[in-house]
Amino acid sequence: MTLGRDALTKAETVLVAAIEGSIPTLVDTRDVVADFQGMIRRKSLGDLDPWLERAKGGLVASFANGINKDRAAVAAAITSPWSNGQTEGQITKLKLVKRQMYGHGKLDLLQARVISAG
């Protein structure tokens, strides 16, 4: 339900339409999530308060409450030009290699895999 409509097959389009007709709350939640993503991408801090009010009444209420509790960090994330995405990606890649090797090697083998994967 998060893909663009033009990327769906006919069968997927019919399925999404059936779900949307049966569960309108899910459609509202999809729109709330899409609005949050848009707010982050546009770096629009002014949209945060209206978004929080809208999200508190839906399926993402616990997420909205978490954002409200750490409002300063969220505001900094929206307005800051900096991102730790590259660092998080490297950590994720390292953890994947580590999990693939679980029980199969020690630090020297892990080091060889990480260096060759880079």
N, C-alpha and C. Protein backbone atom coordinates (compact mmCIF):
# COMPACT_ATOMS: atom_id res chain seq x y z
N MET A 1 0.81 -1.20 0.00
CA MET A 1 0.00 0.00 0.00
C MET A 1 0.85 1.27 0.00
N THR A 2 2.16 1.12 0.15
CA THR A 2 3.01 2.30 0.16
C THR A 2 3.66 2.56 -1.18
N LEU A 3 3.55 1.62 -2.11
CA LEU A 3 4.11 1.83 -3.45
C LEU A 3 3.23 2.78 -4.24
N GLY A 4 3.82 3.43 -5.21
CA GLY A 4 3.04 4.27 -6.10
C GLY A 4 2.06 3.42 -6.90
N ARG A 5 0.91 3.96 -7.17
CA ARG A 5 -0.14 3.20 -7.88
C ARG A 5 0.32 2.72 -9.26
N ASP A 6 1.20 3.48 -9.89
CA ASP A 6 1.64 3.10 -11.22
C ASP A 6 2.59 1.91 -11.20
N ALA A 7 3.11 1.54 -10.02
CA ALA A 7 4.04 0.41 -9.91
C ALA A 7 3.33 -0.91 -9.61
N LEU A 8 2.01 -0.87 -9.46
CA LEU A 8 1.25 -2.06 -9.09
C LEU A 8 0.74 -2.82 -10.31
N THR A 9 0.67 -4.14 -10.17
CA THR A 9 0.03 -4.95 -11.20
C THR A 9 -1.48 -4.82 -11.05
N LYS A 10 -2.23 -5.36 -12.00
CA LYS A 10 -3.69 -5.29 -11.90
C LYS A 10 -4.18 -6.03 -10.66
N ALA A 11 -3.61 -7.20 -10.39
CA ALA A 11 -4.02 -7.98 -9.22
C ALA A 11 -3.73 -7.23 -7.93
N GLU A 12 -2.57 -6.58 -7.88
CA GLU A 12 -2.21 -5.81 -6.69
C GLU A 12 -3.13 -4.60 -6.52
N THR A 13 -3.50 -3.97 -7.62
CA THR A 13 -4.40 -2.83 -7.58
C THR A 13 -5.76 -3.23 -7.03
N VAL A 14 -6.26 -4.39 -7.47
CA VAL A 14 -7.55 -4.90 -6.99
C VAL A 14 -7.45 -5.21 -5.50
N LEU A 15 -6.35 -5.84 -5.08
CA LEU A 15 -6.16 -6.18 -3.68
C LEU A 15 -6.11 -4.92 -2.81
N VAL A 16 -5.35 -3.93 -3.24
CA VAL A 16 -5.24 -2.69 -2.48
C VAL A 16 -6.61 -2.00 -2.39
N ALA A 17 -7.35 -1.99 -3.48
CA ALA A 17 -8.69 -1.37 -3.47
C ALA A 17 -9.61 -2.10 -2.49
N ALA A 18 -9.53 -3.43 -2.45
CA ALA A 18 -10.36 -4.20 -1.52
C ALA A 18 -9.98 -3.90 -0.07
N ILE A 19 -8.69 -3.81 0.20
CA ILE A 19 -8.23 -3.50 1.55
C ILE A 19 -8.67 -2.10 1.95
N GLU A 20 -8.49 -1.15 1.05
CA GLU A 20 -8.88 0.23 1.34
C GLU A 20 -10.38 0.36 1.60
N GLY A 21 -11.18 -0.41 0.86
CA GLY A 21 -12.62 -0.37 1.07
C GLY A 21 -13.04 -1.00 2.38
N SER A 22 -12.29 -1.99 2.84
CA SER A 22 -12.65 -2.71 4.06
C SER A 22 -12.08 -2.07 5.32
N ILE A 23 -10.93 -1.43 5.20
CA ILE A 23 -10.25 -0.91 6.40
C ILE A 23 -9.86 0.55 6.18
N PRO A 24 -10.80 1.46 6.32
CA PRO A 24 -10.48 2.88 6.09
C PRO A 24 -9.44 3.42 7.08
N THR A 25 -9.37 2.86 8.27
CA THR A 25 -8.37 3.31 9.24
C THR A 25 -6.96 3.07 8.72
N LEU A 26 -6.78 1.99 8.00
CA LEU A 26 -5.47 1.69 7.42
C LEU A 26 -5.10 2.72 6.35
N VAL A 27 -6.08 3.16 5.59
CA VAL A 27 -5.84 4.19 4.57
C VAL A 27 -5.42 5.49 5.24
N ASP A 28 -6.12 5.86 6.32
CA ASP A 28 -5.76 7.07 7.05
C ASP A 28 -4.34 6.96 7.61
N THR A 29 -3.99 5.79 8.12
CA THR A 29 -2.66 5.58 8.67
C THR A 29 -1.60 5.69 7.58
N ARG A 30 -1.88 5.14 6.42
CA ARG A 30 -0.94 5.26 5.30
C ARG A 30 -0.71 6.73 4.95
N ASP A 31 -1.77 7.51 4.96
CA ASP A 31 -1.65 8.93 4.65
C ASP A 31 -0.85 9.68 5.73
N VAL A 32 -1.06 9.31 6.98
CA VAL A 32 -0.32 9.94 8.08
C VAL A 32 1.17 9.62 7.96
N VAL A 33 1.49 8.37 7.66
CA VAL A 33 2.90 7.97 7.49
C VAL A 33 3.52 8.70 6.30
N ALA A 34 2.78 8.78 5.21
CA ALA A 34 3.28 9.48 4.02
C ALA A 34 3.52 10.96 4.33
N ASP A 35 2.63 11.56 5.10
CA ASP A 35 2.81 12.97 5.48
C ASP A 35 4.05 13.15 6.34
N PHE A 36 4.31 12.19 7.24
CA PHE A 36 5.51 12.27 8.07
C PHE A 36 6.77 12.18 7.21
N GLN A 37 6.78 11.24 6.28
CA GLN A 37 7.93 11.11 5.37
C GLN A 37 8.13 12.40 4.57
N GLY A 38 7.05 12.97 4.09
CA GLY A 38 7.14 14.22 3.33
C GLY A 38 7.68 15.36 4.18
N MET A 39 7.23 15.41 5.43
CA MET A 39 7.69 16.46 6.33
C MET A 39 9.20 16.34 6.56
N ILE A 40 9.68 15.14 6.74
CA ILE A 40 11.11 14.91 6.95
C ILE A 40 11.89 15.28 5.68
N ARG A 41 11.41 14.85 4.53
CA ARG A 41 12.11 15.14 3.27
C ARG A 41 12.13 16.63 2.94
N ARG A 42 11.03 17.32 3.24
CA ARG A 42 10.96 18.76 2.96
C ARG A 42 11.63 19.59 4.05
N LYS A 43 11.95 18.92 5.17
CA LYS A 43 12.54 19.60 6.34
C LYS A 43 11.62 20.72 6.82
N SER A 44 10.36 20.38 6.97
CA SER A 44 9.33 21.34 7.32
C SER A 44 8.93 21.19 8.79
N LEU A 45 9.64 21.86 9.67
CA LEU A 45 9.38 21.79 11.11
C LEU A 45 8.01 22.33 11.47
N GLY A 46 7.51 23.28 10.72
CA GLY A 46 6.19 23.87 10.99
C GLY A 46 5.05 22.87 10.87
N ASP A 47 5.27 21.78 10.14
CA ASP A 47 4.22 20.77 9.97
C ASP A 47 4.19 19.75 11.10
N LEU A 48 5.16 19.81 12.03
CA LEU A 48 5.26 18.79 13.08
C LEU A 48 4.06 18.81 14.02
N ASP A 49 3.69 19.96 14.54
CA ASP A 49 2.57 20.03 15.50
C ASP A 49 1.25 19.56 14.89
N PRO A 50 0.87 20.03 13.71
CA PRO A 50 -0.37 19.51 13.12
C PRO A 50 -0.29 18.00 12.85
N TRP A 51 0.89 17.52 12.46
CA TRP A 51 1.03 16.09 12.21
C TRP A 51 0.86 15.30 13.50
N LEU A 52 1.45 15.78 14.59
CA LEU A 52 1.31 15.10 15.88
C LEU A 52 -0.15 15.01 16.31
N GLU A 53 -0.88 16.09 16.15
CA GLU A 53 -2.31 16.07 16.51
C GLU A 53 -3.08 15.06 15.68
N ARG A 54 -2.78 15.01 14.41
CA ARG A 54 -3.46 14.07 13.51
C ARG A 54 -3.08 12.63 13.83
N ALA A 55 -1.81 12.39 14.14
CA ALA A 55 -1.32 11.03 14.38
C ALA A 55 -1.77 10.47 15.71
N LYS A 56 -2.01 11.32 16.70
CA LYS A 56 -2.38 10.84 18.04
C LYS A 56 -3.69 10.06 18.05
N GLY A 57 -4.55 10.29 17.08
CA GLY A 57 -5.83 9.61 17.06
C GLY A 57 -5.86 8.34 16.24
N GLY A 58 -4.73 7.92 15.68
CA GLY A 58 -4.75 6.77 14.78
C GLY A 58 -3.89 5.62 15.25
N LEU A 59 -3.56 4.77 14.30
CA LEU A 59 -2.79 3.57 14.59
C LEU A 59 -1.32 3.85 14.92
N VAL A 60 -0.85 5.04 14.63
CA VAL A 60 0.55 5.39 14.91
C VAL A 60 0.65 6.30 16.14
N ALA A 61 -0.33 6.19 17.03
CA ALA A 61 -0.35 7.05 18.22
C ALA A 61 0.87 6.83 19.11
N SER A 62 1.29 5.58 19.28
CA SER A 62 2.46 5.34 20.14
C SER A 62 3.72 5.94 19.51
N PHE A 63 3.83 5.89 18.18
CA PHE A 63 4.95 6.51 17.48
C PHE A 63 4.91 8.02 17.70
N ALA A 64 3.73 8.62 17.57
CA ALA A 64 3.59 10.06 17.77
C ALA A 64 3.92 10.45 19.21
N ASN A 65 3.53 9.63 20.17
CA ASN A 65 3.86 9.92 21.57
C ASN A 65 5.37 9.86 21.78
N GLY A 66 6.05 8.91 21.15
CA GLY A 66 7.50 8.83 21.25
C GLY A 66 8.17 10.05 20.65
N ILE A 67 7.64 10.52 19.55
CA ILE A 67 8.19 11.74 18.92
C ILE A 67 7.97 12.94 19.82
N ASN A 68 6.80 13.00 20.43
CA ASN A 68 6.49 14.11 21.32
C ASN A 68 7.40 14.12 22.55
N LYS A 69 7.74 12.94 23.06
CA LYS A 69 8.62 12.85 24.23
C LYS A 69 10.03 13.31 23.91
N ASP A 70 10.48 13.08 22.69
CA ASP A 70 11.84 13.47 22.30
C ASP A 70 11.78 14.54 21.22
N ARG A 71 10.95 15.53 21.46
CA ARG A 71 10.65 16.58 20.49
C ARG A 71 11.90 17.34 20.04
N ALA A 72 12.82 17.62 20.97
CA ALA A 72 14.02 18.39 20.62
C ALA A 72 14.87 17.63 19.61
N ALA A 73 15.03 16.32 19.80
CA ALA A 73 15.82 15.53 18.87
C ALA A 73 15.16 15.45 17.50
N VAL A 74 13.84 15.32 17.49
CA VAL A 74 13.11 15.26 16.22
C VAL A 74 13.21 16.59 15.49
N ALA A 75 13.07 17.68 16.22
CA ALA A 75 13.20 19.01 15.61
C ALA A 75 14.60 19.19 15.02
N ALA A 76 15.62 18.73 15.75
CA ALA A 76 16.98 18.83 15.23
C ALA A 76 17.16 17.97 13.99
N ALA A 77 16.55 16.78 13.99
CA ALA A 77 16.66 15.90 12.82
C ALA A 77 15.99 16.52 11.59
N ILE A 78 14.88 17.20 11.81
CA ILE A 78 14.16 17.81 10.68
C ILE A 78 14.94 19.00 10.13
N THR A 79 15.49 19.82 10.99
CA THR A 79 16.11 21.06 10.54
C THR A 79 17.60 20.94 10.22
N SER A 80 18.25 19.93 10.73
CA SER A 80 19.70 19.80 10.54
C SER A 80 20.04 19.27 9.14
N PRO A 81 21.08 19.80 8.54
CA PRO A 81 21.51 19.27 7.24
C PRO A 81 22.32 17.98 7.39
N TRP A 82 22.67 17.62 8.61
CA TRP A 82 23.50 16.45 8.85
C TRP A 82 22.66 15.20 8.97
N SER A 83 23.26 14.07 8.61
CA SER A 83 22.59 12.77 8.71
C SER A 83 23.61 11.71 9.11
N ASN A 84 23.17 10.75 9.88
CA ASN A 84 24.05 9.64 10.22
C ASN A 84 23.70 8.39 9.40
N GLY A 85 23.05 8.59 8.28
CA GLY A 85 22.63 7.48 7.43
C GLY A 85 23.79 6.63 6.93
N GLN A 86 24.89 7.25 6.54
CA GLN A 86 26.05 6.51 6.05
C GLN A 86 26.61 5.62 7.16
N THR A 87 26.72 6.16 8.36
CA THR A 87 27.22 5.39 9.49
C THR A 87 26.30 4.22 9.80
N GLU A 88 25.00 4.47 9.85
CA GLU A 88 24.04 3.41 10.13
C GLU A 88 24.09 2.32 9.07
N GLY A 89 24.28 2.70 7.83
CA GLY A 89 24.38 1.71 6.75
C GLY A 89 25.59 0.81 6.92
N GLN A 90 26.71 1.39 7.30
CA GLN A 90 27.92 0.60 7.52
C GLN A 90 27.75 -0.36 8.70
N ILE A 91 27.12 0.10 9.76
CA ILE A 91 26.87 -0.75 10.92
C ILE A 91 25.95 -1.90 10.55
N THR A 92 24.91 -1.61 9.78
CA THR A 92 23.98 -2.64 9.34
C THR A 92 24.69 -3.69 8.51
N LYS A 93 25.56 -3.25 7.60
CA LYS A 93 26.31 -4.19 6.76
C LYS A 93 27.22 -5.07 7.62
N LEU A 94 27.89 -4.48 8.59
CA LEU A 94 28.77 -5.24 9.48
C LEU A 94 27.98 -6.26 10.28
N LYS A 95 26.84 -5.88 10.80
CA LYS A 95 26.01 -6.81 11.57
C LYS A 95 25.50 -7.95 10.70
N LEU A 96 25.17 -7.67 9.45
CA LEU A 96 24.73 -8.72 8.53
C LEU A 96 25.83 -9.75 8.33
N VAL A 97 27.04 -9.28 8.08
CA VAL A 97 28.17 -10.20 7.89
C VAL A 97 28.39 -11.00 9.16
N LYS A 98 28.32 -10.35 10.31
CA LYS A 98 28.52 -11.03 11.59
C LYS A 98 27.47 -12.13 11.78
N ARG A 99 26.21 -11.84 11.49
CA ARG A 99 25.15 -12.83 11.65
C ARG A 99 25.32 -14.00 10.68
N GLN A 100 25.78 -13.72 9.47
CA GLN A 100 26.00 -14.79 8.50
C GLN A 100 27.09 -15.74 8.97
N MET A 101 28.03 -15.22 9.75
CA MET A 101 29.17 -16.02 10.18
C MET A 101 28.97 -16.64 11.56
N TYR A 102 27.84 -16.43 12.18
CA TYR A 102 27.64 -16.87 13.56
C TYR A 102 28.04 -18.33 13.74
N GLY A 103 29.00 -18.55 14.63
CA GLY A 103 29.47 -19.90 14.92
C GLY A 103 30.47 -20.44 13.93
N HIS A 104 30.86 -19.67 12.92
CA HIS A 104 31.74 -20.20 11.87
C HIS A 104 33.14 -19.61 11.88
N GLY A 105 33.42 -18.66 12.70
CA GLY A 105 34.75 -18.09 12.62
C GLY A 105 35.04 -17.14 13.75
N LYS A 106 36.23 -16.67 13.76
CA LYS A 106 36.66 -15.74 14.78
C LYS A 106 36.90 -14.37 14.16
N LEU A 107 37.56 -13.53 14.90
CA LEU A 107 37.77 -12.15 14.49
C LEU A 107 38.55 -12.04 13.18
N ASP A 108 39.53 -12.91 12.96
CA ASP A 108 40.33 -12.83 11.74
C ASP A 108 39.49 -13.11 10.49
N LEU A 109 38.57 -14.07 10.57
CA LEU A 109 37.70 -14.37 9.44
C LEU A 109 36.70 -13.23 9.21
N LEU A 110 36.16 -12.68 10.31
CA LEU A 110 35.25 -11.54 10.20
C LEU A 110 35.95 -10.36 9.53
N GLN A 111 37.19 -10.10 9.93
CA GLN A 111 37.96 -8.99 9.34
C GLN A 111 38.17 -9.23 7.85
N ALA A 112 38.48 -10.44 7.47
CA ALA A 112 38.68 -10.76 6.05
C ALA A 112 37.39 -10.58 5.26
N ARG A 113 36.24 -10.97 5.83
CA ARG A 113 34.97 -10.82 5.14
C ARG A 113 34.58 -9.35 5.00
N VAL A 114 34.79 -8.56 6.05
CA VAL A 114 34.41 -7.16 6.02
C VAL A 114 35.26 -6.39 5.02
N ILE A 115 36.55 -6.66 5.01
CA ILE A 115 37.45 -5.96 4.11
C ILE A 115 37.13 -6.34 2.65
N SER A 116 36.83 -7.61 2.40
CA SER A 116 36.51 -8.02 1.02
C SER A 116 35.13 -7.54 0.61
N ALA A 117 34.21 -7.35 1.56
CA ALA A 117 32.86 -6.87 1.24
C ALA A 117 32.85 -5.37 0.95
N GLY A 118 33.84 -4.64 1.44
CA GLY A 118 33.88 -3.18 1.30
C GLY A 118 34.10 -2.79 -0.09
